[in-house]
Amino acid sequence: MEKINMRQYFDDESCAYTYLLFNPYKKSIIIDSVLEQFERNTGIVKNWIWI
C-alpha cells in the first residue's frame, strides 16, 4: 500500500484552502486550487518532482 502525503496551503485573500496530495512515486494531485495561486501551486509540484 502506497503512503499518501498531504500538504495544505491557505490563501489569505480568498480564505480558501488548497490541498496537494502526493506519493513516493511522484504522482500528485492538486485539490481546490485558488486561481490566483495557480502558478505557486504548479511550481510546488514541479519543484517536488525534480527533488
N, C-alpha and C. Protein backbone atom coordinates (compact mmCIF):
# COMPACT_ATOMS: atom_id res chain seq x y z
N MET A 1 0.84 -1.18 0.00
CA MET A 1 0.00 0.00 0.00
C MET A 1 0.89 1.25 0.00
N GLU A 2 0.59 2.18 -0.90
CA GLU A 2 1.38 3.40 -1.02
C GLU A 2 1.04 4.38 0.10
N LYS A 3 2.06 5.07 0.56
CA LYS A 3 1.84 6.13 1.53
C LYS A 3 1.47 7.41 0.77
N ILE A 4 0.38 8.04 1.18
CA ILE A 4 -0.06 9.29 0.58
C ILE A 4 0.31 10.43 1.53
N ASN A 5 1.00 11.41 1.00
CA ASN A 5 1.37 12.60 1.77
C ASN A 5 0.42 13.74 1.39
N MET A 6 0.23 14.67 2.31
CA MET A 6 -0.65 15.78 2.06
C MET A 6 -0.03 17.08 2.56
N ARG A 7 -0.18 18.12 1.76
CA ARG A 7 0.21 19.47 2.17
C ARG A 7 -1.02 20.34 2.00
N GLN A 8 -1.22 21.23 2.95
CA GLN A 8 -2.36 22.14 2.93
C GLN A 8 -1.83 23.56 2.84
N TYR A 9 -2.40 24.35 1.93
CA TYR A 9 -1.99 25.74 1.75
C TYR A 9 -3.22 26.62 1.91
N PHE A 10 -3.04 27.77 2.57
CA PHE A 10 -4.14 28.69 2.82
C PHE A 10 -3.91 29.98 2.05
N ASP A 11 -4.96 30.46 1.40
CA ASP A 11 -4.91 31.73 0.69
C ASP A 11 -5.62 32.78 1.54
N ASP A 12 -4.86 33.76 2.02
CA ASP A 12 -5.40 34.80 2.90
C ASP A 12 -6.49 35.64 2.23
N GLU A 13 -6.30 35.91 0.95
CA GLU A 13 -7.23 36.80 0.26
C GLU A 13 -8.62 36.18 0.09
N SER A 14 -8.66 34.90 -0.28
CA SER A 14 -9.96 34.25 -0.50
C SER A 14 -10.41 33.41 0.69
N CYS A 15 -9.54 33.27 1.69
CA CYS A 15 -9.83 32.44 2.87
C CYS A 15 -10.15 30.99 2.46
N ALA A 16 -9.44 30.50 1.45
CA ALA A 16 -9.67 29.14 0.94
C ALA A 16 -8.41 28.29 1.11
N TYR A 17 -8.63 27.00 1.20
CA TYR A 17 -7.53 26.05 1.31
C TYR A 17 -7.32 25.33 -0.01
N THR A 18 -6.08 25.01 -0.29
CA THR A 18 -5.70 24.16 -1.41
C THR A 18 -4.96 22.97 -0.82
N TYR A 19 -5.21 21.80 -1.39
CA TYR A 19 -4.58 20.58 -0.89
C TYR A 19 -3.74 19.96 -1.98
N LEU A 20 -2.54 19.54 -1.63
CA LEU A 20 -1.66 18.82 -2.53
C LEU A 20 -1.47 17.43 -1.95
N LEU A 21 -1.89 16.40 -2.70
CA LEU A 21 -1.69 15.01 -2.30
C LEU A 21 -0.65 14.41 -3.23
N PHE A 22 0.28 13.65 -2.67
CA PHE A 22 1.32 13.05 -3.49
C PHE A 22 1.83 11.78 -2.84
N ASN A 23 2.46 10.93 -3.66
CA ASN A 23 3.02 9.69 -3.15
C ASN A 23 4.51 9.61 -3.48
N PRO A 24 5.22 8.60 -2.97
CA PRO A 24 6.66 8.50 -3.23
C PRO A 24 7.02 8.27 -4.70
N TYR A 25 6.04 7.91 -5.52
CA TYR A 25 6.31 7.64 -6.94
C TYR A 25 6.11 8.88 -7.79
N LYS A 26 6.04 10.04 -7.14
CA LYS A 26 5.97 11.34 -7.81
C LYS A 26 4.66 11.55 -8.57
N LYS A 27 3.59 10.91 -8.12
CA LYS A 27 2.27 11.19 -8.65
C LYS A 27 1.60 12.15 -7.68
N SER A 28 0.91 13.16 -8.23
CA SER A 28 0.32 14.16 -7.34
C SER A 28 -0.99 14.68 -7.93
N ILE A 29 -1.75 15.31 -7.05
CA ILE A 29 -3.00 15.95 -7.45
C ILE A 29 -3.18 17.20 -6.59
N ILE A 30 -3.66 18.26 -7.22
CA ILE A 30 -3.99 19.50 -6.51
C ILE A 30 -5.50 19.56 -6.42
N ILE A 31 -6.02 19.76 -5.20
CA ILE A 31 -7.46 19.80 -4.98
C ILE A 31 -7.87 21.21 -4.56
N ASP A 32 -8.88 21.73 -5.23
CA ASP A 32 -9.48 23.02 -4.89
C ASP A 32 -8.48 24.17 -4.95
N SER A 33 -7.76 24.23 -6.04
CA SER A 33 -6.76 25.27 -6.22
C SER A 33 -7.40 26.65 -6.37
N VAL A 34 -6.82 27.64 -5.74
CA VAL A 34 -7.25 29.03 -5.88
C VAL A 34 -6.62 29.56 -7.17
N LEU A 35 -7.43 30.10 -8.06
CA LEU A 35 -6.94 30.53 -9.38
C LEU A 35 -5.75 31.47 -9.27
N GLU A 36 -5.80 32.42 -8.35
CA GLU A 36 -4.71 33.38 -8.20
C GLU A 36 -3.42 32.73 -7.68
N GLN A 37 -3.50 31.53 -7.15
CA GLN A 37 -2.33 30.82 -6.63
C GLN A 37 -1.90 29.66 -7.53
N PHE A 38 -2.46 29.62 -8.74
CA PHE A 38 -2.17 28.50 -9.64
C PHE A 38 -0.68 28.37 -9.93
N GLU A 39 -0.01 29.47 -10.22
CA GLU A 39 1.43 29.43 -10.51
C GLU A 39 2.21 28.91 -9.30
N ARG A 40 1.88 29.37 -8.11
CA ARG A 40 2.54 28.88 -6.90
C ARG A 40 2.35 27.38 -6.75
N ASN A 41 1.11 26.93 -6.92
CA ASN A 41 0.79 25.52 -6.72
C ASN A 41 1.48 24.62 -7.74
N THR A 42 1.46 25.01 -9.00
CA THR A 42 2.13 24.19 -10.00
C THR A 42 3.65 24.24 -9.82
N GLY A 43 4.17 25.37 -9.35
CA GLY A 43 5.60 25.47 -9.05
C GLY A 43 6.01 24.52 -7.94
N ILE A 44 5.18 24.40 -6.93
CA ILE A 44 5.46 23.46 -5.83
C ILE A 44 5.55 22.05 -6.38
N VAL A 45 4.59 21.68 -7.23
CA VAL A 45 4.59 20.33 -7.80
C VAL A 45 5.81 20.12 -8.68
N LYS A 46 6.12 21.07 -9.54
CA LYS A 46 7.27 20.93 -10.44
C LYS A 46 8.57 20.81 -9.65
N ASN A 47 8.76 21.62 -8.61
CA ASN A 47 9.96 21.54 -7.79
C ASN A 47 10.03 20.23 -7.04
N TRP A 48 8.91 19.75 -6.55
CA TRP A 48 8.89 18.49 -5.81
C TRP A 48 9.24 17.31 -6.71
N ILE A 49 8.75 17.34 -7.96
CA ILE A 49 9.02 16.23 -8.88
C ILE A 49 10.51 16.09 -9.15
N TRP A 50 11.25 17.19 -9.17
CA TRP A 50 12.67 17.14 -9.52
C TRP A 50 13.59 16.97 -8.32
N ILE A 51 13.03 16.89 -7.12
CA ILE A 51 13.87 16.70 -5.92
C ILE A 51 14.37 15.28 -5.88
